Amino acid sequence: PVGAWFLDVFGIRLTMDWWSAVFATTVIIFPLMYR
């Protein structure tokens, strides 16, 4: 859903690029900051 929409509207692929890792690390470290 989200990836296809970004690809169709903005021509941006949200996976397999350096900023894709930001999504992963943000989700992983969020509980540490939150707790």
PDB file of all heavy atoms in Angstrom:
ATOM      1  N   PRO A   1       0.789  -1.245   0.000  1.00  0.00           N
ATOM      2  CA  PRO A   1       0.000   0.000   0.000  1.00  0.00           C
ATOM      3  C   PRO A   1       0.814   1.284   0.000  1.00  0.00           C
ATOM      4  O   PRO A   1       0.710   2.088  -0.932  1.00  0.00           O
ATOM      5  CB  PRO A   1      -0.841  -0.130   1.287  1.00  0.00           C
ATOM      6  CG  PRO A   1      -0.944  -1.597   1.526  1.00  0.00           C
ATOM      7  CD  PRO A   1       0.334  -2.196   1.038  1.00  0.00           C
ATOM      8  N   VAL A   2       1.603   1.501   1.019  1.00  0.00           N
ATOM      9  CA  VAL A   2       2.347   2.761   1.129  1.00  0.00           C
ATOM     10  C   VAL A   2       3.437   2.842   0.070  1.00  0.00           C
ATOM     11  O   VAL A   2       3.608   3.871  -0.594  1.00  0.00           O
ATOM     12  CB  VAL A   2       2.959   2.909   2.538  1.00  0.00           C
ATOM     13  CG1 VAL A   2       3.797   4.186   2.627  1.00  0.00           C
ATOM     14  CG2 VAL A   2       1.867   2.910   3.604  1.00  0.00           C
ATOM     15  N   GLY A   3       4.178   1.759  -0.112  1.00  0.00           N
ATOM     16  CA  GLY A   3       5.258   1.754  -1.093  1.00  0.00           C
ATOM     17  C   GLY A   3       4.777   1.978  -2.509  1.00  0.00           C
ATOM     18  O   GLY A   3       5.395   2.727  -3.278  1.00  0.00           O
ATOM     19  N   ALA A   4       3.658   1.345  -2.873  1.00  0.00           N
ATOM     20  CA  ALA A   4       3.109   1.509  -4.222  1.00  0.00           C
ATOM     21  C   ALA A   4       2.625   2.931  -4.444  1.00  0.00           C
ATOM     22  O   ALA A   4       2.805   3.499  -5.534  1.00  0.00           O
ATOM     23  CB  ALA A   4       1.972   0.516  -4.441  1.00  0.00           C
ATOM     24  N   TRP A   5       2.027   3.537  -3.421  1.00  0.00           N
ATOM     25  CA  TRP A   5       1.520   4.904  -3.550  1.00  0.00           C
ATOM     26  C   TRP A   5       2.673   5.880  -3.761  1.00  0.00           C
ATOM     27  O   TRP A   5       2.605   6.758  -4.626  1.00  0.00           O
ATOM     28  CB  TRP A   5       0.731   5.282  -2.298  1.00  0.00           C
ATOM     29  CG  TRP A   5       0.096   6.641  -2.395  1.00  0.00           C
ATOM     30  CD1 TRP A   5      -1.054   6.981  -3.044  1.00  0.00           C
ATOM     31  CD2 TRP A   5       0.610   7.858  -1.815  1.00  0.00           C
ATOM     32  NE1 TRP A   5      -1.302   8.326  -2.913  1.00  0.00           N
ATOM     33  CE2 TRP A   5      -0.304   8.886  -2.168  1.00  0.00           C
ATOM     34  CE3 TRP A   5       1.723   8.161  -1.050  1.00  0.00           C
ATOM     35  CZ2 TRP A   5      -0.112  10.208  -1.759  1.00  0.00           C
ATOM     36  CZ3 TRP A   5       1.922   9.475  -0.646  1.00  0.00           C
ATOM     37  CH2 TRP A   5       1.009  10.480  -0.998  1.00  0.00           C
ATOM     38  N   PHE A   6       3.737   5.752  -2.986  1.00  0.00           N
ATOM     39  CA  PHE A   6       4.898   6.629  -3.144  1.00  0.00           C
ATOM     40  C   PHE A   6       5.541   6.439  -4.515  1.00  0.00           C
ATOM     41  O   PHE A   6       5.990   7.396  -5.147  1.00  0.00           O
ATOM     42  CB  PHE A   6       5.925   6.353  -2.044  1.00  0.00           C
ATOM     43  CG  PHE A   6       5.786   7.256  -0.853  1.00  0.00           C
ATOM     44  CD1 PHE A   6       4.924   6.916   0.185  1.00  0.00           C
ATOM     45  CD2 PHE A   6       6.502   8.432  -0.764  1.00  0.00           C
ATOM     46  CE1 PHE A   6       4.782   7.746   1.287  1.00  0.00           C
ATOM     47  CE2 PHE A   6       6.374   9.268   0.335  1.00  0.00           C
ATOM     48  CZ  PHE A   6       5.508   8.925   1.366  1.00  0.00           C
ATOM     49  N   LEU A   7       5.578   5.206  -4.982  1.00  0.00           N
ATOM     50  CA  LEU A   7       6.195   4.930  -6.272  1.00  0.00           C
ATOM     51  C   LEU A   7       5.370   5.518  -7.408  1.00  0.00           C
ATOM     52  O   LEU A   7       5.927   6.083  -8.370  1.00  0.00           O
ATOM     53  CB  LEU A   7       6.347   3.417  -6.455  1.00  0.00           C
ATOM     54  CG  LEU A   7       7.198   2.954  -7.635  1.00  0.00           C
ATOM     55  CD1 LEU A   7       8.620   3.478  -7.520  1.00  0.00           C
ATOM     56  CD2 LEU A   7       7.199   1.430  -7.724  1.00  0.00           C
ATOM     57  N   ASP A   8       4.041   5.427  -7.312  1.00  0.00           N
ATOM     58  CA  ASP A   8       3.167   5.949  -8.369  1.00  0.00           C
ATOM     59  C   ASP A   8       3.106   7.471  -8.362  1.00  0.00           C
ATOM     60  O   ASP A   8       3.126   8.110  -9.419  1.00  0.00           O
ATOM     61  CB  ASP A   8       1.753   5.378  -8.207  1.00  0.00           C
ATOM     62  CG  ASP A   8       1.695   3.884  -8.478  1.00  0.00           C
ATOM     63  OD1 ASP A   8       2.619   3.376  -9.143  1.00  0.00           O
ATOM     64  OD2 ASP A   8       0.749   3.230  -7.996  1.00  0.00           O
ATOM     65  N   VAL A   9       3.018   8.068  -7.175  1.00  0.00           N
ATOM     66  CA  VAL A   9       2.811   9.517  -7.074  1.00  0.00           C
ATOM     67  C   VAL A   9       4.119  10.296  -7.183  1.00  0.00           C
ATOM     68  O   VAL A   9       4.214  11.288  -7.915  1.00  0.00           O
ATOM     69  CB  VAL A   9       2.091   9.865  -5.755  1.00  0.00           C
ATOM     70  CG1 VAL A   9       1.964  11.389  -5.599  1.00  0.00           C
ATOM     71  CG2 VAL A   9       0.712   9.214  -5.708  1.00  0.00           C
ATOM     72  N   PHE A  10       5.142   9.848  -6.463  1.00  0.00           N
ATOM     73  CA  PHE A  10       6.402  10.597  -6.402  1.00  0.00           C
ATOM     74  C   PHE A  10       7.546   9.923  -7.154  1.00  0.00           C
ATOM     75  O   PHE A  10       8.610  10.523  -7.329  1.00  0.00           O
ATOM     76  CB  PHE A  10       6.827  10.789  -4.942  1.00  0.00           C
ATOM     77  CG  PHE A  10       5.809  11.511  -4.099  1.00  0.00           C
ATOM     78  CD1 PHE A  10       5.025  10.813  -3.187  1.00  0.00           C
ATOM     79  CD2 PHE A  10       5.626  12.882  -4.225  1.00  0.00           C
ATOM     80  CE1 PHE A  10       4.093  11.468  -2.403  1.00  0.00           C
ATOM     81  CE2 PHE A  10       4.690  13.544  -3.446  1.00  0.00           C
ATOM     82  CZ  PHE A  10       3.912  12.848  -2.540  1.00  0.00           C
ATOM     83  N   GLY A  11       7.332   8.698  -7.584  1.00  0.00           N
ATOM     84  CA  GLY A  11       8.398   7.974  -8.263  1.00  0.00           C
ATOM     85  C   GLY A  11       9.537   7.585  -7.332  1.00  0.00           C
ATOM     86  O   GLY A  11      10.676   7.413  -7.777  1.00  0.00           O
ATOM     87  N   ILE A  12       9.235   7.454  -6.039  1.00  0.00           N
ATOM     88  CA  ILE A  12      10.245   7.133  -5.032  1.00  0.00           C
ATOM     89  C   ILE A  12      10.031   5.708  -4.540  1.00  0.00           C
ATOM     90  O   ILE A  12       8.933   5.351  -4.121  1.00  0.00           O
ATOM     91  CB  ILE A  12      10.179   8.112  -3.838  1.00  0.00           C
ATOM     92  CG1 ILE A  12      10.443   9.544  -4.315  1.00  0.00           C
ATOM     93  CG2 ILE A  12      11.174   7.710  -2.753  1.00  0.00           C
ATOM     94  CD1 ILE A  12      10.273  10.580  -3.223  1.00  0.00           C
ATOM     95  N   ARG A  13      11.082   4.928  -4.597  1.00  0.00           N
ATOM     96  CA  ARG A  13      11.043   3.561  -4.074  1.00  0.00           C
ATOM     97  C   ARG A  13      11.515   3.591  -2.621  1.00  0.00           C
ATOM     98  O   ARG A  13      12.625   4.059  -2.336  1.00  0.00           O
ATOM     99  CB  ARG A  13      11.940   2.649  -4.915  1.00  0.00           C
ATOM    100  CG  ARG A  13      11.885   1.189  -4.542  1.00  0.00           C
ATOM    101  CD  ARG A  13      12.893   0.396  -5.354  1.00  0.00           C
ATOM    102  NE  ARG A  13      12.897  -1.010  -4.988  1.00  0.00           N
ATOM    103  CZ  ARG A  13      12.206  -1.952  -5.613  1.00  0.00           C
ATOM    104  NH1 ARG A  13      11.462  -1.627  -6.664  1.00  0.00           N
ATOM    105  NH2 ARG A  13      12.249  -3.205  -5.217  1.00  0.00           N
ATOM    106  N   LEU A  14      10.688   3.111  -1.716  1.00  0.00           N
ATOM    107  CA  LEU A  14      10.974   3.213  -0.288  1.00  0.00           C
ATOM    108  C   LEU A  14      11.848   2.091   0.247  1.00  0.00           C
ATOM    109  O   LEU A  14      12.218   2.116   1.423  1.00  0.00           O
ATOM    110  CB  LEU A  14       9.661   3.252   0.513  1.00  0.00           C
ATOM    111  CG  LEU A  14       8.741   4.443   0.242  1.00  0.00           C
ATOM    112  CD1 LEU A  14       7.506   4.379   1.122  1.00  0.00           C
ATOM    113  CD2 LEU A  14       9.476   5.759   0.458  1.00  0.00           C
ATOM    114  N   THR A  15      12.181   1.130  -0.580  1.00  0.00           N
ATOM    115  CA  THR A  15      13.021   0.016  -0.124  1.00  0.00           C
ATOM    116  C   THR A  15      14.319  -0.018  -0.928  1.00  0.00           C
ATOM    117  O   THR A  15      14.427   0.575  -1.994  1.00  0.00           O
ATOM    118  CB  THR A  15      12.282  -1.327  -0.287  1.00  0.00           C
ATOM    119  OG1 THR A  15      11.915  -1.510  -1.669  1.00  0.00           O
ATOM    120  CG2 THR A  15      11.040  -1.373   0.577  1.00  0.00           C
ATOM    121  N   MET A  16      15.305  -0.720  -0.366  1.00  0.00           N
ATOM    122  CA  MET A  16      16.597  -0.952  -1.007  1.00  0.00           C
ATOM    123  C   MET A  16      17.348   0.327  -1.363  1.00  0.00           C
ATOM    124  O   MET A  16      17.961   0.452  -2.415  1.00  0.00           O
ATOM    125  CB  MET A  16      16.419  -1.832  -2.262  1.00  0.00           C
ATOM    126  CG  MET A  16      15.797  -3.178  -1.949  1.00  0.00           C
ATOM    127  SD  MET A  16      16.731  -4.076  -0.682  1.00  0.00           S
ATOM    128  CE  MET A  16      15.478  -5.222  -0.061  1.00  0.00           C
ATOM    129  N   ASP A  17      17.255   1.306  -0.461  1.00  0.00           N
ATOM    130  CA  ASP A  17      18.080   2.514  -0.554  1.00  0.00           C
ATOM    131  C   ASP A  17      18.526   2.873   0.854  1.00  0.00           C
ATOM    132  O   ASP A  17      18.026   2.302   1.833  1.00  0.00           O
ATOM    133  CB  ASP A  17      17.301   3.664  -1.186  1.00  0.00           C
ATOM    134  CG  ASP A  17      18.222   4.565  -2.019  1.00  0.00           C
ATOM    135  OD1 ASP A  17      19.357   4.813  -1.555  1.00  0.00           O
ATOM    136  OD2 ASP A  17      17.810   4.999  -3.110  1.00  0.00           O
ATOM    137  N   TRP A  18      19.463   3.825   0.967  1.00  0.00           N
ATOM    138  CA  TRP A  18      20.018   4.094   2.300  1.00  0.00           C
ATOM    139  C   TRP A  18      18.965   4.609   3.259  1.00  0.00           C
ATOM    140  O   TRP A  18      18.973   4.291   4.451  1.00  0.00           O
ATOM    141  CB  TRP A  18      21.189   5.066   2.200  1.00  0.00           C
ATOM    142  CG  TRP A  18      20.809   6.493   1.932  1.00  0.00           C
ATOM    143  CD1 TRP A  18      20.737   7.110   0.722  1.00  0.00           C
ATOM    144  CD2 TRP A  18      20.442   7.469   2.904  1.00  0.00           C
ATOM    145  NE1 TRP A  18      20.342   8.413   0.879  1.00  0.00           N
ATOM    146  CE2 TRP A  18      20.166   8.669   2.207  1.00  0.00           C
ATOM    147  CE3 TRP A  18      20.321   7.457   4.298  1.00  0.00           C
ATOM    148  CZ2 TRP A  18      19.764   9.835   2.861  1.00  0.00           C
ATOM    149  CZ3 TRP A  18      19.928   8.613   4.950  1.00  0.00           C
ATOM    150  CH2 TRP A  18      19.652   9.783   4.233  1.00  0.00           C
ATOM    151  N   TRP A  19      18.017   5.434   2.764  1.00  0.00           N
ATOM    152  CA  TRP A  19      17.009   5.976   3.671  1.00  0.00           C
ATOM    153  C   TRP A  19      16.005   4.909   4.114  1.00  0.00           C
ATOM    154  O   TRP A  19      15.297   5.104   5.091  1.00  0.00           O
ATOM    155  CB  TRP A  19      16.280   7.156   3.037  1.00  0.00           C
ATOM    156  CG  TRP A  19      15.512   6.830   1.799  1.00  0.00           C
ATOM    157  CD1 TRP A  19      14.329   6.152   1.703  1.00  0.00           C
ATOM    158  CD2 TRP A  19      15.871   7.175   0.454  1.00  0.00           C
ATOM    159  NE1 TRP A  19      13.917   6.053   0.401  1.00  0.00           N
ATOM    160  CE2 TRP A  19      14.842   6.671  -0.393  1.00  0.00           C
ATOM    161  CE3 TRP A  19      16.933   7.851  -0.117  1.00  0.00           C
ATOM    162  CZ2 TRP A  19      14.888   6.825  -1.775  1.00  0.00           C
ATOM    163  CZ3 TRP A  19      16.961   8.011  -1.485  1.00  0.00           C
ATOM    164  CH2 TRP A  19      15.952   7.509  -2.300  1.00  0.00           C
ATOM    165  N   SER A  20      15.951   3.787   3.398  1.00  0.00           N
ATOM    166  CA  SER A  20      15.084   2.699   3.833  1.00  0.00           C
ATOM    167  C   SER A  20      15.510   2.186   5.201  1.00  0.00           C
ATOM    168  O   SER A  20      14.669   1.787   6.019  1.00  0.00           O
ATOM    169  CB  SER A  20      15.127   1.558   2.813  1.00  0.00           C
ATOM    170  OG  SER A  20      14.844   2.006   1.511  1.00  0.00           O
ATOM    171  N   ALA A  21      16.816   2.200   5.451  1.00  0.00           N
ATOM    172  CA  ALA A  21      17.317   1.745   6.749  1.00  0.00           C
ATOM    173  C   ALA A  21      16.863   2.663   7.877  1.00  0.00           C
ATOM    174  O   ALA A  21      16.771   2.225   9.030  1.00  0.00           O
ATOM    175  CB  ALA A  21      18.836   1.667   6.715  1.00  0.00           C
ATOM    176  N   VAL A  22      16.564   3.931   7.560  1.00  0.00           N
ATOM    177  CA  VAL A  22      16.076   4.848   8.587  1.00  0.00           C
ATOM    178  C   VAL A  22      14.745   4.370   9.138  1.00  0.00           C
ATOM    179  O   VAL A  22      14.477   4.461  10.348  1.00  0.00           O
ATOM    180  CB  VAL A  22      15.954   6.278   8.021  1.00  0.00           C
ATOM    181  CG1 VAL A  22      15.326   7.219   9.052  1.00  0.00           C
ATOM    182  CG2 VAL A  22      17.315   6.809   7.598  1.00  0.00           C
ATOM    183  N   PHE A  23      13.873   3.850   8.261  1.00  0.00           N
ATOM    184  CA  PHE A  23      12.597   3.312   8.720  1.00  0.00           C
ATOM    185  C   PHE A  23      12.822   2.176   9.717  1.00  0.00           C
ATOM    186  O   PHE A  23      12.191   2.110  10.772  1.00  0.00           O
ATOM    187  CB  PHE A  23      11.761   2.794   7.541  1.00  0.00           C
ATOM    188  CG  PHE A  23      11.518   3.815   6.465  1.00  0.00           C
ATOM    189  CD1 PHE A  23      11.489   3.452   5.129  1.00  0.00           C
ATOM    190  CD2 PHE A  23      11.303   5.151   6.775  1.00  0.00           C
ATOM    191  CE1 PHE A  23      11.263   4.384   4.125  1.00  0.00           C
ATOM    192  CE2 PHE A  23      11.079   6.094   5.787  1.00  0.00           C
ATOM    193  CZ  PHE A  23      11.058   5.705   4.458  1.00  0.00           C
ATOM    194  N   ALA A  24      13.739   1.286   9.358  1.00  0.00           N
ATOM    195  CA  ALA A  24      14.002   0.117  10.201  1.00  0.00           C
ATOM    196  C   ALA A  24      14.583   0.523  11.547  1.00  0.00           C
ATOM    197  O   ALA A  24      14.100   0.092  12.605  1.00  0.00           O
ATOM    198  CB  ALA A  24      14.946  -0.839   9.477  1.00  0.00           C
ATOM    199  N   THR A  25      15.628   1.355  11.534  1.00  0.00           N
ATOM    200  CA  THR A  25      16.269   1.736  12.793  1.00  0.00           C
ATOM    201  C   THR A  25      15.345   2.577  13.670  1.00  0.00           C
ATOM    202  O   THR A  25      15.367   2.455  14.900  1.00  0.00           O
ATOM    203  CB  THR A  25      17.570   2.519  12.525  1.00  0.00           C
ATOM    204  OG1 THR A  25      17.297   3.614  11.638  1.00  0.00           O
ATOM    205  CG2 THR A  25      18.616   1.617  11.890  1.00  0.00           C
ATOM    206  N   THR A  26      14.513   3.399  13.052  1.00  0.00           N
ATOM    207  CA  THR A  26      13.581   4.215  13.833  1.00  0.00           C
ATOM    208  C   THR A  26      12.614   3.340  14.610  1.00  0.00           C
ATOM    209  O   THR A  26      12.361   3.571  15.802  1.00  0.00           O
ATOM    210  CB  THR A  26      12.806   5.179  12.917  1.00  0.00           C
ATOM    211  OG1 THR A  26      13.721   6.070  12.272  1.00  0.00           O
ATOM    212  CG2 THR A  26      11.793   5.990  13.711  1.00  0.00           C
ATOM    213  N   VAL A  27      12.068   2.331  13.948  1.00  0.00           N
ATOM    214  CA  VAL A  27      11.127   1.431  14.619  1.00  0.00           C
ATOM    215  C   VAL A  27      11.832   0.627  15.707  1.00  0.00           C
ATOM    216  O   VAL A  27      11.300   0.433  16.805  1.00  0.00           O
ATOM    217  CB  VAL A  27      10.465   0.476  13.594  1.00  0.00           C
ATOM    218  CG1 VAL A  27       9.604  -0.562  14.306  1.00  0.00           C
ATOM    219  CG2 VAL A  27       9.626   1.276  12.602  1.00  0.00           C
ATOM    220  N   ILE A  28      13.040   0.172  15.430  1.00  0.00           N
ATOM    221  CA  ILE A  28      13.770  -0.662  16.382  1.00  0.00           C
ATOM    222  C   ILE A  28      14.147   0.109  17.644  1.00  0.00           C
ATOM    223  O   ILE A  28      14.037  -0.407  18.766  1.00  0.00           O
ATOM    224  CB  ILE A  28      15.038  -1.252  15.725  1.00  0.00           C
ATOM    225  CG1 ILE A  28      14.664  -2.282  14.649  1.00  0.00           C
ATOM    226  CG2 ILE A  28      15.945  -1.890  16.771  1.00  0.00           C
ATOM    227  CD1 ILE A  28      14.010  -3.533  15.182  1.00  0.00           C
ATOM    228  N   ILE A  29      14.595   1.357  17.489  1.00  0.00           N
ATOM    229  CA  ILE A  29      15.094   2.100  18.654  1.00  0.00           C
ATOM    230  C   ILE A  29      14.018   2.924  19.348  1.00  0.00           C
ATOM    231  O   ILE A  29      14.251   3.426  20.459  1.00  0.00           O
ATOM    232  CB  ILE A  29      16.260   3.029  18.269  1.00  0.00           C
ATOM    233  CG1 ILE A  29      15.777   4.190  17.378  1.00  0.00           C
ATOM    234  CG2 ILE A  29      17.368   2.253  17.589  1.00  0.00           C
ATOM    235  CD1 ILE A  29      16.849   5.207  17.054  1.00  0.00           C
ATOM    236  N   PHE A  30      12.844   3.054  18.750  1.00  0.00           N
ATOM    237  CA  PHE A  30      11.787   3.845  19.374  1.00  0.00           C
ATOM    238  C   PHE A  30      11.467   3.389  20.801  1.00  0.00           C
ATOM    239  O   PHE A  30      11.329   4.236  21.710  1.00  0.00           O
ATOM    240  CB  PHE A  30      10.521   3.831  18.518  1.00  0.00           C
ATOM    241  CG  PHE A  30       9.325   4.437  19.198  1.00  0.00           C
ATOM    242  CD1 PHE A  30       9.181   5.815  19.286  1.00  0.00           C
ATOM    243  CD2 PHE A  30       8.349   3.635  19.782  1.00  0.00           C
ATOM    244  CE1 PHE A  30       8.091   6.376  19.935  1.00  0.00           C
ATOM    245  CE2 PHE A  30       7.262   4.185  20.429  1.00  0.00           C
ATOM    246  CZ  PHE A  30       7.126   5.556  20.506  1.00  0.00           C
ATOM    247  N   PRO A  31      11.322   2.082  21.064  1.00  0.00           N
ATOM    248  CA  PRO A  31      11.005   1.661  22.440  1.00  0.00           C
ATOM    249  C   PRO A  31      12.054   2.085  23.457  1.00  0.00           C
ATOM    250  O   PRO A  31      11.714   2.383  24.610  1.00  0.00           O
ATOM    251  CB  PRO A  31      10.924   0.131  22.329  1.00  0.00           C
ATOM    252  CG  PRO A  31      10.617  -0.142  20.901  1.00  0.00           C
ATOM    253  CD  PRO A  31      11.321   0.932  20.139  1.00  0.00           C
ATOM    254  N   LEU A  32      13.326   2.130  23.064  1.00  0.00           N
ATOM    255  CA  LEU A  32      14.373   2.553  23.997  1.00  0.00           C
ATOM    256  C   LEU A  32      14.163   4.001  24.434  1.00  0.00           C
ATOM    257  O   LEU A  32      14.230   4.327  25.629  1.00  0.00           O
ATOM    258  CB  LEU A  32      15.747   2.397  23.349  1.00  0.00           C
ATOM    259  CG  LEU A  32      16.264   0.978  23.141  1.00  0.00           C
ATOM    260  CD1 LEU A  32      17.564   0.998  22.349  1.00  0.00           C
ATOM    261  CD2 LEU A  32      16.472   0.288  24.479  1.00  0.00           C
ATOM    262  N   MET A  33      13.906   4.874  23.472  1.00  0.00           N
ATOM    263  CA  MET A  33      13.685   6.280  23.797  1.00  0.00           C
ATOM    264  C   MET A  33      12.376   6.459  24.558  1.00  0.00           C
ATOM    265  O   MET A  33      12.315   7.221  25.535  1.00  0.00           O
ATOM    266  CB  MET A  33      13.663   7.095  22.497  1.00  0.00           C
ATOM    267  CG  MET A  33      13.655   8.607  22.688  1.00  0.00           C
ATOM    268  SD  MET A  33      15.205   9.219  23.381  1.00  0.00           S
ATOM    269  CE  MET A  33      14.657   9.874  24.936  1.00  0.00           C
ATOM    270  N   TYR A  34      11.357   5.758  24.131  1.00  0.00           N
ATOM    271  CA  TYR A  34      10.040   5.877  24.772  1.00  0.00           C
ATOM    272  C   TYR A  34      10.087   5.425  26.227  1.00  0.00           C
ATOM    273  O   TYR A  34       9.612   6.136  27.129  1.00  0.00           O
ATOM    274  CB  TYR A  34       9.011   5.065  23.983  1.00  0.00           C
ATOM    275  CG  TYR A  34       7.751   4.776  24.754  1.00  0.00           C
ATOM    276  CD1 TYR A  34       6.814   5.781  24.996  1.00  0.00           C
ATOM    277  CD2 TYR A  34       7.503   3.498  25.256  1.00  0.00           C
ATOM    278  CE1 TYR A  34       5.655   5.514  25.712  1.00  0.00           C
ATOM    279  CE2 TYR A  34       6.352   3.229  25.964  1.00  0.00           C
ATOM    280  CZ  TYR A  34       5.435   4.239  26.195  1.00  0.00           C
ATOM    281  OH  TYR A  34       4.297   3.965  26.915  1.00  0.00           O
ATOM    282  N   ARG A  35      10.676   4.250  26.487  1.00  0.00           N
ATOM    283  CA  ARG A  35      10.710   3.713  27.846  1.00  0.00           C
ATOM    284  C   ARG A  35      11.580   4.585  28.756  1.00  0.00           C
ATOM    285  O   ARG A  35      11.242   4.819  29.917  1.00  0.00           O
ATOM    286  CB  ARG A  35      11.252   2.287  27.829  1.00  0.00           C
ATOM    287  CG  ARG A  35      10.423   1.297  27.045  1.00  0.00           C
ATOM    288  CD  ARG A  35       9.108   0.982  27.702  1.00  0.00           C
ATOM    289  NE  ARG A  35       9.257   0.363  28.999  1.00  0.00           N
ATOM    290  CZ  ARG A  35       8.232  -0.156  29.699  1.00  0.00           C
ATOM    291  NH1 ARG A  35       7.010  -0.103  29.188  1.00  0.00           N
ATOM    292  NH2 ARG A  35       8.425  -0.698  30.868  1.00  0.00           N
TER     293      ARG A  35
END
